[in-house]
Amino acid sequence: MSHTPFIWAAYTVGTIVFLWCALAPLARKKSALRDIRRLIQLEESSGDSNP
C-alpha cells in the first residue's frame, strides 16, 4: 500500500494552514487601519475641537 496520498494530503493541509497564518494578520491590519481612518474622519467632521 502506498502512503503517497496521505503524504500529499498532509502537505496540502500544512500549506493551507501556513498560508492562513501568514495572510490573516495582514487582512486584520487592513481592516483595523480602515476603522481607524473612519474614526478620525468622524472626529474631524464632528466639529468638537477642544483646545
PDB file of N, CA and C in Angstrom:
ATOM      1  N   MET A   1       0.844  -1.189   0.000  1.00  0.00           N
ATOM      2  CA  MET A   1       0.000   0.000   0.000  1.00  0.00           C
ATOM      3  C   MET A   1       0.885   1.247   0.000  1.00  0.00           C
ATOM      4  N   SER A   2       0.544   2.158  -0.857  1.00  0.00           N
ATOM      5  CA  SER A   2       1.327   3.376  -0.988  1.00  0.00           C
ATOM      6  C   SER A   2       0.813   4.448  -0.020  1.00  0.00           C
ATOM      7  N   HIS A   3       1.738   5.145   0.599  1.00  0.00           N
ATOM      8  CA  HIS A   3       1.375   6.214   1.527  1.00  0.00           C
ATOM      9  C   HIS A   3       1.350   7.588   0.853  1.00  0.00           C
ATOM     10  N   THR A   4       1.561   7.617  -0.424  1.00  0.00           N
ATOM     11  CA  THR A   4       1.658   8.877  -1.163  1.00  0.00           C
ATOM     12  C   THR A   4       0.428   9.774  -1.002  1.00  0.00           C
ATOM     13  N   PRO A   5      -0.804   9.247  -1.095  1.00  0.00           N
ATOM     14  CA  PRO A   5      -1.967  10.140  -0.929  1.00  0.00           C
ATOM     15  C   PRO A   5      -2.008  10.801   0.450  1.00  0.00           C
ATOM     16  N   PHE A   6      -1.628  10.077   1.465  1.00  0.00           N
ATOM     17  CA  PHE A   6      -1.628  10.638   2.814  1.00  0.00           C
ATOM     18  C   PHE A   6      -0.558  11.720   2.962  1.00  0.00           C
ATOM     19  N   ILE A   7       0.582  11.488   2.350  1.00  0.00           N
ATOM     20  CA  ILE A   7       1.665  12.473   2.408  1.00  0.00           C
ATOM     21  C   ILE A   7       1.250  13.746   1.679  1.00  0.00           C
ATOM     22  N   TRP A   8       0.668  13.603   0.477  1.00  0.00           N
ATOM     23  CA  TRP A   8       0.209  14.785  -0.268  1.00  0.00           C
ATOM     24  C   TRP A   8      -0.884  15.528   0.490  1.00  0.00           C
ATOM     25  N   ALA A   9      -1.776  14.792   1.133  1.00  0.00           N
ATOM     26  CA  ALA A   9      -2.835  15.424   1.925  1.00  0.00           C
ATOM     27  C   ALA A   9      -2.230  16.207   3.094  1.00  0.00           C
ATOM     28  N   ALA A  10      -1.234  15.641   3.743  1.00  0.00           N
ATOM     29  CA  ALA A  10      -0.597  16.325   4.867  1.00  0.00           C
ATOM     30  C   ALA A  10       0.113  17.595   4.401  1.00  0.00           C
ATOM     31  N   TYR A  11       0.817  17.509   3.280  1.00  0.00           N
ATOM     32  CA  TYR A  11       1.479  18.702   2.737  1.00  0.00           C
ATOM     33  C   TYR A  11       0.458  19.767   2.340  1.00  0.00           C
ATOM     34  N   THR A  12      -0.643  19.355   1.756  1.00  0.00           N
ATOM     35  CA  THR A  12      -1.679  20.301   1.340  1.00  0.00           C
ATOM     36  C   THR A  12      -2.299  21.003   2.538  1.00  0.00           C
ATOM     37  N   VAL A  13      -2.654  20.238   3.546  1.00  0.00           N
ATOM     38  CA  VAL A  13      -3.236  20.834   4.756  1.00  0.00           C
ATOM     39  C   VAL A  13      -2.225  21.749   5.427  1.00  0.00           C
ATOM     40  N   GLY A  14      -0.988  21.328   5.506  1.00  0.00           N
ATOM     41  CA  GLY A  14       0.055  22.161   6.108  1.00  0.00           C
ATOM     42  C   GLY A  14       0.250  23.464   5.361  1.00  0.00           C
ATOM     43  N   THR A  15       0.214  23.402   4.041  1.00  0.00           N
ATOM     44  CA  THR A  15       0.375  24.610   3.232  1.00  0.00           C
ATOM     45  C   THR A  15      -0.792  25.564   3.429  1.00  0.00           C
ATOM     46  N   ILE A  16      -1.999  25.028   3.477  1.00  0.00           N
ATOM     47  CA  ILE A  16      -3.183  25.875   3.701  1.00  0.00           C
ATOM     48  C   ILE A  16      -3.108  26.552   5.063  1.00  0.00           C
ATOM     49  N   VAL A  17      -2.741  25.805   6.088  1.00  0.00           N
ATOM     50  CA  VAL A  17      -2.620  26.379   7.434  1.00  0.00           C
ATOM     51  C   VAL A  17      -1.528  27.444   7.457  1.00  0.00           C
ATOM     52  N   PHE A  18      -0.402  27.166   6.825  1.00  0.00           N
ATOM     53  CA  PHE A  18       0.697  28.128   6.786  1.00  0.00           C
ATOM     54  C   PHE A  18       0.261  29.420   6.093  1.00  0.00           C
ATOM     55  N   LEU A  19      -0.404  29.303   4.955  1.00  0.00           N
ATOM     56  CA  LEU A  19      -0.871  30.494   4.243  1.00  0.00           C
ATOM     57  C   LEU A  19      -1.876  31.284   5.070  1.00  0.00           C
ATOM     58  N   TRP A  20      -2.773  30.575   5.751  1.00  0.00           N
ATOM     59  CA  TRP A  20      -3.753  31.264   6.599  1.00  0.00           C
ATOM     60  C   TRP A  20      -3.041  32.026   7.722  1.00  0.00           C
ATOM     61  N   CYS A  21      -2.069  31.405   8.336  1.00  0.00           N
ATOM     62  CA  CYS A  21      -1.329  32.065   9.420  1.00  0.00           C
ATOM     63  C   CYS A  21      -0.543  33.267   8.907  1.00  0.00           C
ATOM     64  N   ALA A  22      -0.129  33.238   7.657  1.00  0.00           N
ATOM     65  CA  ALA A  22       0.636  34.342   7.091  1.00  0.00           C
ATOM     66  C   ALA A  22      -0.263  35.474   6.605  1.00  0.00           C
ATOM     67  N   LEU A  23      -1.434  35.163   6.062  1.00  0.00           N
ATOM     68  CA  LEU A  23      -2.280  36.177   5.429  1.00  0.00           C
ATOM     69  C   LEU A  23      -3.357  36.762   6.342  1.00  0.00           C
ATOM     70  N   ALA A  24      -3.810  36.025   7.328  1.00  0.00           N
ATOM     71  CA  ALA A  24      -4.875  36.516   8.200  1.00  0.00           C
ATOM     72  C   ALA A  24      -4.478  37.792   8.952  1.00  0.00           C
ATOM     73  N   PRO A  25      -3.271  37.896   9.510  1.00  0.00           N
ATOM     74  CA  PRO A  25      -2.899  39.144  10.188  1.00  0.00           C
ATOM     75  C   PRO A  25      -2.870  40.347   9.242  1.00  0.00           C
ATOM     76  N   LEU A  26      -2.496  40.123   7.994  1.00  0.00           N
ATOM     77  CA  LEU A  26      -2.485  41.230   7.032  1.00  0.00           C
ATOM     78  C   LEU A  26      -3.896  41.743   6.784  1.00  0.00           C
ATOM     79  N   ALA A  27      -4.856  40.836   6.690  1.00  0.00           N
ATOM     80  CA  ALA A  27      -6.248  41.239   6.488  1.00  0.00           C
ATOM     81  C   ALA A  27      -6.775  41.980   7.720  1.00  0.00           C
ATOM     82  N   ARG A  28      -6.411  41.510   8.917  1.00  0.00           N
ATOM     83  CA  ARG A  28      -6.859  42.197  10.141  1.00  0.00           C
ATOM     84  C   ARG A  28      -6.248  43.584  10.236  1.00  0.00           C
ATOM     85  N   LYS A  29      -4.992  43.721   9.840  1.00  0.00           N
ATOM     86  CA  LYS A  29      -4.329  45.024   9.875  1.00  0.00           C
ATOM     87  C   LYS A  29      -5.017  45.993   8.928  1.00  0.00           C
ATOM     88  N   LYS A  30      -5.335  45.535   7.735  1.00  0.00           N
ATOM     89  CA  LYS A  30      -6.014  46.381   6.759  1.00  0.00           C
ATOM     90  C   LYS A  30      -7.369  46.832   7.291  1.00  0.00           C
ATOM     91  N   SER A  31      -8.099  45.931   7.900  1.00  0.00           N
ATOM     92  CA  SER A  31      -9.405  46.267   8.465  1.00  0.00           C
ATOM     93  C   SER A  31      -9.268  47.254   9.627  1.00  0.00           C
ATOM     94  N   ALA A  32      -8.271  47.051  10.469  1.00  0.00           N
ATOM     95  CA  ALA A  32      -8.068  47.944  11.614  1.00  0.00           C
ATOM     96  C   ALA A  32      -7.688  49.349  11.145  1.00  0.00           C
ATOM     97  N   LEU A  33      -6.828  49.443  10.144  1.00  0.00           N
ATOM     98  CA  LEU A  33      -6.447  50.754   9.623  1.00  0.00           C
ATOM     99  C   LEU A  33      -7.646  51.479   9.012  1.00  0.00           C
ATOM    100  N   ARG A  34      -8.502  50.737   8.325  1.00  0.00           N
ATOM    101  CA  ARG A  34      -9.707  51.335   7.750  1.00  0.00           C
ATOM    102  C   ARG A  34     -10.626  51.870   8.860  1.00  0.00           C
ATOM    103  N   ASP A  35     -10.771  51.108   9.937  1.00  0.00           N
ATOM    104  CA  ASP A  35     -11.601  51.556  11.064  1.00  0.00           C
ATOM    105  C   ASP A  35     -11.013  52.791  11.730  1.00  0.00           C
ATOM    106  N   ILE A  36      -9.708  52.833  11.877  1.00  0.00           N
ATOM    107  CA  ILE A  36      -9.057  53.992  12.498  1.00  0.00           C
ATOM    108  C   ILE A  36      -9.246  55.227  11.636  1.00  0.00           C
ATOM    109  N   ARG A  37      -9.081  55.079  10.325  1.00  0.00           N
ATOM    110  CA  ARG A  37      -9.305  56.224   9.423  1.00  0.00           C
ATOM    111  C   ARG A  37     -10.735  56.724   9.524  1.00  0.00           C
ATOM    112  N   ARG A  38     -11.698  55.812   9.616  1.00  0.00           N
ATOM    113  CA  ARG A  38     -13.103  56.187   9.730  1.00  0.00           C
ATOM    114  C   ARG A  38     -13.347  56.955  11.041  1.00  0.00           C
ATOM    115  N   LEU A  39     -12.743  56.506  12.119  1.00  0.00           N
ATOM    116  CA  LEU A  39     -12.912  57.194  13.400  1.00  0.00           C
ATOM    117  C   LEU A  39     -12.288  58.589  13.362  1.00  0.00           C
ATOM    118  N   ILE A  40     -11.144  58.721  12.731  1.00  0.00           N
ATOM    119  CA  ILE A  40     -10.500  60.031  12.619  1.00  0.00           C
ATOM    120  C   ILE A  40     -11.381  60.971  11.810  1.00  0.00           C
ATOM    121  N   GLN A  41     -11.950  60.492  10.716  1.00  0.00           N
ATOM    122  CA  GLN A  41     -12.828  61.332   9.908  1.00  0.00           C
ATOM    123  C   GLN A  41     -14.062  61.751  10.696  1.00  0.00           C
ATOM    124  N   LEU A  42     -14.603  60.838  11.500  1.00  0.00           N
ATOM    125  CA  LEU A  42     -15.769  61.188  12.315  1.00  0.00           C
ATOM    126  C   LEU A  42     -15.423  62.261  13.341  1.00  0.00           C
ATOM    127  N   GLU A  43     -14.260  62.145  13.961  1.00  0.00           N
ATOM    128  CA  GLU A  43     -13.849  63.150  14.937  1.00  0.00           C
ATOM    129  C   GLU A  43     -13.632  64.505  14.279  1.00  0.00           C
ATOM    130  N   GLU A  44     -13.010  64.505  13.098  1.00  0.00           N
ATOM    131  CA  GLU A  44     -12.746  65.763  12.417  1.00  0.00           C
ATOM    132  C   GLU A  44     -14.039  66.418  11.929  1.00  0.00           C
ATOM    133  N   SER A  45     -15.011  65.623  11.513  1.00  0.00           N
ATOM    134  CA  SER A  45     -16.239  66.189  10.988  1.00  0.00           C
ATOM    135  C   SER A  45     -17.229  66.581  12.091  1.00  0.00           C
ATOM    136  N   SER A  46     -16.976  66.112  13.318  1.00  0.00           N
ATOM    137  CA  SER A  46     -17.918  66.434  14.387  1.00  0.00           C
ATOM    138  C   SER A  46     -17.833  67.899  14.810  1.00  0.00           C
ATOM    139  N   GLY A  47     -16.697  68.549  14.562  1.00  0.00           N
ATOM    140  CA  GLY A  47     -16.560  69.956  14.889  1.00  0.00           C
ATOM    141  C   GLY A  47     -16.234  70.225  16.348  1.00  0.00           C
ATOM    142  N   ASP A  48     -16.096  69.207  17.126  1.00  0.00           N
ATOM    143  CA  ASP A  48     -15.767  69.364  18.535  1.00  0.00           C
ATOM    144  C   ASP A  48     -14.247  69.426  18.688  1.00  0.00           C
ATOM    145  N   SER A  49     -13.717  70.600  18.594  1.00  0.00           N
ATOM    146  CA  SER A  49     -12.277  70.748  18.763  1.00  0.00           C
ATOM    147  C   SER A  49     -12.007  71.330  20.127  1.00  0.00           C
ATOM    148  N   ASN A  50     -11.389  70.557  20.970  1.00  0.00           N
ATOM    149  CA  ASN A  50     -11.037  71.015  22.318  1.00  0.00           C
ATOM    150  C   ASN A  50      -9.645  71.617  22.297  1.00  0.00           C
ATOM    151  N   PRO A  51      -9.502  72.842  22.777  1.00  0.00           N
ATOM    152  CA  PRO A  51      -8.165  73.481  22.756  1.00  0.00           C
ATOM    153  C   PRO A  51      -7.193  72.867  23.717  1.00  0.00           C
TER     154      PRO A  51
END
